[in-house]
PDB file of all heavy atoms in Angstrom:
ATOM      1  N   SER A   1      23.292  12.447  -0.655  1.00  0.00           N
ATOM      2  CA  SER A   1      22.551  11.501  -1.493  1.00  0.00           C
ATOM      3  C   SER A   1      23.184  10.113  -1.456  1.00  0.00           C
ATOM      4  O   SER A   1      22.466   9.103  -1.448  1.00  0.00           O
ATOM      5  CB  SER A   1      22.487  12.026  -2.923  1.00  0.00           C
ATOM      6  OG  SER A   1      23.782  12.099  -3.489  1.00  0.00           O
ATOM      7  N   ILE A   2      24.503  10.050  -1.417  1.00  0.00           N
ATOM      8  CA  ILE A   2      25.167   8.749  -1.312  1.00  0.00           C
ATOM      9  C   ILE A   2      24.826   8.074   0.013  1.00  0.00           C
ATOM     10  O   ILE A   2      24.503   6.876   0.073  1.00  0.00           O
ATOM     11  CB  ILE A   2      26.691   8.921  -1.476  1.00  0.00           C
ATOM     12  CG1 ILE A   2      27.033   9.357  -2.906  1.00  0.00           C
ATOM     13  CG2 ILE A   2      27.425   7.629  -1.142  1.00  0.00           C
ATOM     14  CD1 ILE A   2      28.479   9.718  -3.090  1.00  0.00           C
ATOM     15  N   ILE A   3      24.884   8.843   1.105  1.00  0.00           N
ATOM     16  CA  ILE A   3      24.559   8.291   2.426  1.00  0.00           C
ATOM     17  C   ILE A   3      23.094   7.850   2.480  1.00  0.00           C
ATOM     18  O   ILE A   3      22.767   6.788   3.016  1.00  0.00           O
ATOM     19  CB  ILE A   3      24.873   9.325   3.524  1.00  0.00           C
ATOM     20  CG1 ILE A   3      26.373   9.622   3.557  1.00  0.00           C
ATOM     21  CG2 ILE A   3      24.394   8.836   4.880  1.00  0.00           C
ATOM     22  CD1 ILE A   3      26.761  10.739   4.496  1.00  0.00           C
ATOM     23  N   ALA A   4      22.197   8.645   1.887  1.00  0.00           N
ATOM     24  CA  ALA A   4      20.779   8.278   1.878  1.00  0.00           C
ATOM     25  C   ALA A   4      20.530   7.020   1.051  1.00  0.00           C
ATOM     26  O   ALA A   4      19.723   6.161   1.441  1.00  0.00           O
ATOM     27  CB  ALA A   4      19.955   9.439   1.327  1.00  0.00           C
ATOM     28  N   ALA A   5      21.226   6.898  -0.077  1.00  0.00           N
ATOM     29  CA  ALA A   5      21.068   5.690  -0.895  1.00  0.00           C
ATOM     30  C   ALA A   5      21.547   4.454  -0.147  1.00  0.00           C
ATOM     31  O   ALA A   5      20.913   3.390  -0.194  1.00  0.00           O
ATOM     32  CB  ALA A   5      21.825   5.847  -2.212  1.00  0.00           C
ATOM     33  N   ILE A   6      22.655   4.574   0.566  1.00  0.00           N
ATOM     34  CA  ILE A   6      23.155   3.442   1.346  1.00  0.00           C
ATOM     35  C   ILE A   6      22.193   3.092   2.476  1.00  0.00           C
ATOM     36  O   ILE A   6      21.902   1.922   2.740  1.00  0.00           O
ATOM     37  CB  ILE A   6      24.561   3.758   1.895  1.00  0.00           C
ATOM     38  CG1 ILE A   6      25.557   3.894   0.748  1.00  0.00           C
ATOM     39  CG2 ILE A   6      25.022   2.676   2.861  1.00  0.00           C
ATOM     40  CD1 ILE A   6      26.926   4.359   1.173  1.00  0.00           C
ATOM     41  N   ALA A   7      21.666   4.122   3.145  1.00  0.00           N
ATOM     42  CA  ALA A   7      20.732   3.873   4.248  1.00  0.00           C
ATOM     43  C   ALA A   7      19.421   3.254   3.767  1.00  0.00           C
ATOM     44  O   ALA A   7      18.827   2.427   4.458  1.00  0.00           O
ATOM     45  CB  ALA A   7      20.459   5.171   4.999  1.00  0.00           C
ATOM     46  N   LEU A   8      18.951   3.637   2.578  1.00  0.00           N
ATOM     47  CA  LEU A   8      17.699   3.090   2.068  1.00  0.00           C
ATOM     48  C   LEU A   8      17.841   1.657   1.569  1.00  0.00           C
ATOM     49  O   LEU A   8      16.901   0.866   1.653  1.00  0.00           O
ATOM     50  CB  LEU A   8      17.161   3.972   0.941  1.00  0.00           C
ATOM     51  CG  LEU A   8      16.635   5.347   1.366  1.00  0.00           C
ATOM     52  CD1 LEU A   8      16.282   6.179   0.145  1.00  0.00           C
ATOM     53  CD2 LEU A   8      15.437   5.205   2.280  1.00  0.00           C
ATOM     54  N   THR A   9      19.006   1.331   1.028  1.00  0.00           N
ATOM     55  CA  THR A   9      19.197  -0.010   0.472  1.00  0.00           C
ATOM     56  C   THR A   9      19.724  -1.013   1.487  1.00  0.00           C
ATOM     57  O   THR A   9      19.692  -2.215   1.214  1.00  0.00           O
ATOM     58  CB  THR A   9      20.163   0.045  -0.715  1.00  0.00           C
ATOM     59  OG1 THR A   9      21.408   0.646  -0.295  1.00  0.00           O
ATOM     60  CG2 THR A   9      19.569   0.859  -1.842  1.00  0.00           C
ATOM     61  N   MET A  10      20.206  -0.565   2.626  1.00  0.00           N
ATOM     62  CA  MET A  10      20.762  -1.490   3.615  1.00  0.00           C
ATOM     63  C   MET A  10      19.632  -2.119   4.418  1.00  0.00           C
ATOM     64  O   MET A  10      18.783  -1.423   4.983  1.00  0.00           O
ATOM     65  CB  MET A  10      21.733  -0.761   4.551  1.00  0.00           C
ATOM     66  CG  MET A  10      22.479  -1.691   5.504  1.00  0.00           C
ATOM     67  SD  MET A  10      23.721  -0.815   6.476  1.00  0.00           S
ATOM     68  CE  MET A  10      22.710   0.390   7.325  1.00  0.00           C
ATOM     69  N   ARG A  11      19.605  -3.410   4.444  1.00  0.00           N
ATOM     70  CA  ARG A  11      18.586  -4.154   5.182  1.00  0.00           C
ATOM     71  C   ARG A  11      19.267  -5.058   6.212  1.00  0.00           C
ATOM     72  O   ARG A  11      20.268  -5.714   5.919  1.00  0.00           O
ATOM     73  CB  ARG A  11      17.745  -5.011   4.239  1.00  0.00           C
ATOM     74  CG  ARG A  11      16.951  -4.215   3.224  1.00  0.00           C
ATOM     75  CD  ARG A  11      15.804  -3.469   3.874  1.00  0.00           C
ATOM     76  NE  ARG A  11      14.961  -2.801   2.899  1.00  0.00           N
ATOM     77  CZ  ARG A  11      15.151  -1.571   2.489  1.00  0.00           C
ATOM     78  NH1 ARG A  11      16.169  -0.879   2.963  1.00  0.00           N
ATOM     79  NH2 ARG A  11      14.339  -1.024   1.607  1.00  0.00           N
ATOM     80  N   LYS A  12      18.706  -5.093   7.407  1.00  0.00           N
ATOM     81  CA  LYS A  12      19.241  -5.956   8.448  1.00  0.00           C
ATOM     82  C   LYS A  12      18.641  -7.346   8.317  1.00  0.00           C
ATOM     83  O   LYS A  12      17.419  -7.505   8.226  1.00  0.00           O
ATOM     84  CB  LYS A  12      18.932  -5.376   9.833  1.00  0.00           C
ATOM     85  CG  LYS A  12      19.656  -4.082  10.134  1.00  0.00           C
ATOM     86  CD  LYS A  12      19.380  -3.605  11.547  1.00  0.00           C
ATOM     87  CE  LYS A  12      20.129  -2.341  11.860  1.00  0.00           C
ATOM     88  NZ  LYS A  12      19.877  -1.850  13.240  1.00  0.00           N
ATOM     89  N   ARG A  13      19.491  -8.322   8.312  1.00  0.00           N
ATOM     90  CA  ARG A  13      19.055  -9.708   8.197  1.00  0.00           C
ATOM     91  C   ARG A  13      19.363 -10.437   9.498  1.00  0.00           C
ATOM     92  O   ARG A  13      20.389 -10.212  10.135  1.00  0.00           O
ATOM     93  CB  ARG A  13      19.770 -10.385   7.031  1.00  0.00           C
ATOM     94  CG  ARG A  13      19.429  -9.783   5.679  1.00  0.00           C
ATOM     95  CD  ARG A  13      20.271 -10.394   4.579  1.00  0.00           C
ATOM     96  NE  ARG A  13      20.184 -11.839   4.571  1.00  0.00           N
ATOM     97  CZ  ARG A  13      20.891 -12.619   3.755  1.00  0.00           C
ATOM     98  NH1 ARG A  13      21.738 -12.076   2.904  1.00  0.00           N
ATOM     99  NH2 ARG A  13      20.753 -13.930   3.793  1.00  0.00           N
ATOM    100  N   LYS A  14      18.442 -11.324   9.855  1.00  0.00           N
ATOM    101  CA  LYS A  14      18.626 -12.050  11.106  1.00  0.00           C
ATOM    102  C   LYS A  14      19.726 -13.096  11.007  1.00  0.00           C
ATOM    103  O   LYS A  14      20.354 -13.423  12.008  1.00  0.00           O
ATOM    104  CB  LYS A  14      17.309 -12.723  11.495  1.00  0.00           C
ATOM    105  CG  LYS A  14      16.181 -11.737  11.789  1.00  0.00           C
ATOM    106  CD  LYS A  14      14.914 -12.461  12.184  1.00  0.00           C
ATOM    107  CE  LYS A  14      13.806 -11.479  12.506  1.00  0.00           C
ATOM    108  NZ  LYS A  14      12.533 -12.151  12.886  1.00  0.00           N
ATOM    109  N   ASP A  15      19.943 -13.639   9.805  1.00  0.00           N
ATOM    110  CA  ASP A  15      20.942 -14.683   9.666  1.00  0.00           C
ATOM    111  C   ASP A  15      22.337 -14.135   9.389  1.00  0.00           C
ATOM    112  O   ASP A  15      23.261 -14.900   9.117  1.00  0.00           O
ATOM    113  CB  ASP A  15      20.542 -15.634   8.532  1.00  0.00           C
ATOM    114  CG  ASP A  15      20.318 -14.903   7.223  1.00  0.00           C
ATOM    115  OD1 ASP A  15      20.227 -13.656   7.251  1.00  0.00           O
ATOM    116  OD2 ASP A  15      20.241 -15.582   6.179  1.00  0.00           O
ATOM    117  N   THR A  16      22.506 -12.815   9.437  1.00  0.00           N
ATOM    118  CA  THR A  16      23.820 -12.217   9.204  1.00  0.00           C
ATOM    119  C   THR A  16      24.591 -12.151  10.511  1.00  0.00           C
ATOM    120  O   THR A  16      24.079 -11.669  11.520  1.00  0.00           O
ATOM    121  CB  THR A  16      23.670 -10.807   8.605  1.00  0.00           C
ATOM    122  OG1 THR A  16      22.921 -10.902   7.387  1.00  0.00           O
ATOM    123  CG2 THR A  16      25.025 -10.207   8.300  1.00  0.00           C
ATOM    124  N   LYS A  17      25.803 -12.635  10.512  1.00  0.00           N
ATOM    125  CA  LYS A  17      26.644 -12.578  11.702  1.00  0.00           C
ATOM    126  C   LYS A  17      27.244 -11.189  11.842  1.00  0.00           C
ATOM    127  O   LYS A  17      27.778 -10.636  10.885  1.00  0.00           O
ATOM    128  CB  LYS A  17      27.756 -13.622  11.602  1.00  0.00           C
ATOM    129  CG  LYS A  17      27.251 -15.055  11.635  1.00  0.00           C
ATOM    130  CD  LYS A  17      28.401 -16.033  11.615  1.00  0.00           C
ATOM    131  CE  LYS A  17      27.899 -17.466  11.689  1.00  0.00           C
ATOM    132  NZ  LYS A  17      29.013 -18.444  11.656  1.00  0.00           N
ATOM    133  N   TYR A  18      27.145 -10.660  13.042  1.00  0.00           N
ATOM    134  CA  TYR A  18      27.671  -9.328  13.313  1.00  0.00           C
ATOM    135  C   TYR A  18      28.808  -9.438  14.309  1.00  0.00           C
ATOM    136  O   TYR A  18      28.680 -10.106  15.335  1.00  0.00           O
ATOM    137  CB  TYR A  18      26.582  -8.407  13.863  1.00  0.00           C
ATOM    138  CG  TYR A  18      27.085  -7.039  14.257  1.00  0.00           C
ATOM    139  CD1 TYR A  18      27.400  -6.096  13.277  1.00  0.00           C
ATOM    140  CD2 TYR A  18      27.259  -6.700  15.586  1.00  0.00           C
ATOM    141  CE1 TYR A  18      27.869  -4.845  13.623  1.00  0.00           C
ATOM    142  CE2 TYR A  18      27.737  -5.450  15.940  1.00  0.00           C
ATOM    143  CZ  TYR A  18      28.046  -4.518  14.952  1.00  0.00           C
ATOM    144  OH  TYR A  18      28.520  -3.286  15.306  1.00  0.00           O
ATOM    145  N   LEU A  19      29.908  -8.801  14.013  1.00  0.00           N
ATOM    146  CA  LEU A  19      31.089  -8.821  14.872  1.00  0.00           C
ATOM    147  C   LEU A  19      31.279  -7.451  15.486  1.00  0.00           C
ATOM    148  O   LEU A  19      31.221  -6.432  14.790  1.00  0.00           O
ATOM    149  CB  LEU A  19      32.337  -9.213  14.067  1.00  0.00           C
ATOM    150  CG  LEU A  19      32.298 -10.595  13.409  1.00  0.00           C
ATOM    151  CD1 LEU A  19      33.561 -10.818  12.592  1.00  0.00           C
ATOM    152  CD2 LEU A  19      32.149 -11.691  14.447  1.00  0.00           C
ATOM    153  N   ASP A  20      31.508  -7.444  16.798  1.00  0.00           N
ATOM    154  CA  ASP A  20      31.763  -6.198  17.516  1.00  0.00           C
ATOM    155  C   ASP A  20      33.265  -5.971  17.581  1.00  0.00           C
ATOM    156  O   ASP A  20      33.981  -6.747  18.237  1.00  0.00           O
ATOM    157  CB  ASP A  20      31.162  -6.277  18.918  1.00  0.00           C
ATOM    158  CG  ASP A  20      31.186  -4.921  19.609  1.00  0.00           C
ATOM    159  OD1 ASP A  20      31.696  -3.956  19.004  1.00  0.00           O
ATOM    160  OD2 ASP A  20      30.705  -4.826  20.755  1.00  0.00           O
ATOM    161  N   PRO A  21      33.806  -4.966  16.918  1.00  0.00           N
ATOM    162  CA  PRO A  21      35.259  -4.750  16.951  1.00  0.00           C
ATOM    163  C   PRO A  21      35.797  -4.493  18.346  1.00  0.00           C
ATOM    164  O   PRO A  21      36.932  -4.875  18.661  1.00  0.00           O
ATOM    165  CB  PRO A  21      35.460  -3.528  16.030  1.00  0.00           C
ATOM    166  CG  PRO A  21      34.245  -3.498  15.168  1.00  0.00           C
ATOM    167  CD  PRO A  21      33.137  -4.033  16.019  1.00  0.00           C
ATOM    168  N   ALA A  22      35.007  -3.840  19.218  1.00  0.00           N
ATOM    169  CA  ALA A  22      35.479  -3.558  20.577  1.00  0.00           C
ATOM    170  C   ALA A  22      35.709  -4.853  21.353  1.00  0.00           C
ATOM    171  O   ALA A  22      36.703  -5.002  22.073  1.00  0.00           O
ATOM    172  CB  ALA A  22      34.478  -2.661  21.302  1.00  0.00           C
ATOM    173  N   LYS A  23      34.798  -5.822  21.193  1.00  0.00           N
ATOM    174  CA  LYS A  23      34.983  -7.112  21.869  1.00  0.00           C
ATOM    175  C   LYS A  23      36.146  -7.887  21.279  1.00  0.00           C
ATOM    176  O   LYS A  23      36.861  -8.604  22.002  1.00  0.00           O
ATOM    177  CB  LYS A  23      33.700  -7.929  21.767  1.00  0.00           C
ATOM    178  CG  LYS A  23      32.540  -7.346  22.552  1.00  0.00           C
ATOM    179  CD  LYS A  23      31.310  -8.235  22.441  1.00  0.00           C
ATOM    180  CE  LYS A  23      30.150  -7.665  23.243  1.00  0.00           C
ATOM    181  NZ  LYS A  23      28.937  -8.530  23.138  1.00  0.00           N
ATOM    182  N   GLN A  24      36.360  -7.776  19.997  1.00  0.00           N
ATOM    183  CA  GLN A  24      37.485  -8.482  19.386  1.00  0.00           C
ATOM    184  C   GLN A  24      38.817  -7.930  19.858  1.00  0.00           C
ATOM    185  O   GLN A  24      39.771  -8.678  20.066  1.00  0.00           O
ATOM    186  CB  GLN A  24      37.399  -8.385  17.857  1.00  0.00           C
ATOM    187  CG  GLN A  24      36.284  -9.220  17.255  1.00  0.00           C
ATOM    188  CD  GLN A  24      36.292  -9.141  15.754  1.00  0.00           C
ATOM    189  OE1 GLN A  24      36.507  -8.081  15.180  1.00  0.00           O
ATOM    190  NE2 GLN A  24      36.061 -10.266  15.109  1.00  0.00           N
ATOM    191  N   VAL A  25      38.892  -6.618  20.022  1.00  0.00           N
ATOM    192  CA  VAL A  25      40.153  -6.014  20.460  1.00  0.00           C
ATOM    193  C   VAL A  25      40.438  -6.323  21.928  1.00  0.00           C
ATOM    194  O   VAL A  25      41.589  -6.570  22.330  1.00  0.00           O
ATOM    195  CB  VAL A  25      40.110  -4.490  20.208  1.00  0.00           C
ATOM    196  CG1 VAL A  25      41.328  -3.799  20.818  1.00  0.00           C
ATOM    197  CG2 VAL A  25      40.043  -4.210  18.728  1.00  0.00           C
ATOM    198  N   SER A  26      39.407  -6.350  22.780  1.00  0.00           N
ATOM    199  CA  SER A  26      39.597  -6.546  24.216  1.00  0.00           C
ATOM    200  C   SER A  26      39.664  -8.014  24.637  1.00  0.00           C
ATOM    201  O   SER A  26      39.706  -8.298  25.831  1.00  0.00           O
ATOM    202  CB  SER A  26      38.452  -5.858  24.977  1.00  0.00           C
ATOM    203  OG  SER A  26      37.205  -6.446  24.614  1.00  0.00           O
ATOM    204  N   VAL A  27      39.655  -8.931  23.696  1.00  0.00           N
ATOM    205  CA  VAL A  27      39.687 -10.345  24.061  1.00  0.00           C
ATOM    206  C   VAL A  27      41.070 -10.732  24.578  1.00  0.00           C
ATOM    207  O   VAL A  27      42.096 -10.165  24.190  1.00  0.00           O
ATOM    208  CB  VAL A  27      39.283 -11.198  22.838  1.00  0.00           C
ATOM    209  CG1 VAL A  27      40.395 -11.206  21.800  1.00  0.00           C
ATOM    210  CG2 VAL A  27      38.927 -12.610  23.257  1.00  0.00           C
ATOM    211  N   ARG A  28      41.118 -11.691  25.486  1.00  0.00           N
ATOM    212  CA  ARG A  28      42.375 -12.177  26.049  1.00  0.00           C
ATOM    213  C   ARG A  28      42.662 -13.583  25.549  1.00  0.00           C
ATOM    214  O   ARG A  28      41.775 -14.293  25.069  1.00  0.00           O
ATOM    215  CB  ARG A  28      42.313 -12.188  27.578  1.00  0.00           C
ATOM    216  CG  ARG A  28      42.104 -10.803  28.200  1.00  0.00           C
ATOM    217  CD  ARG A  28      42.068 -10.912  29.710  1.00  0.00           C
ATOM    218  NE  ARG A  28      41.022 -11.843  30.129  1.00  0.00           N
ATOM    219  CZ  ARG A  28      40.867 -12.284  31.382  1.00  0.00           C
ATOM    220  NH1 ARG A  28      41.703 -11.874  32.327  1.00  0.00           N
ATOM    221  NH2 ARG A  28      39.892 -13.114  31.687  1.00  0.00           N
TER     222      ARG A  28
END
């Protein structure tokens, strides 16, 4: 129920910046 509540209330926004941890770790 907790996971379902989080999934139902989470909305993707176009103006939100998303960071990829894999790219951050592999940067030189």
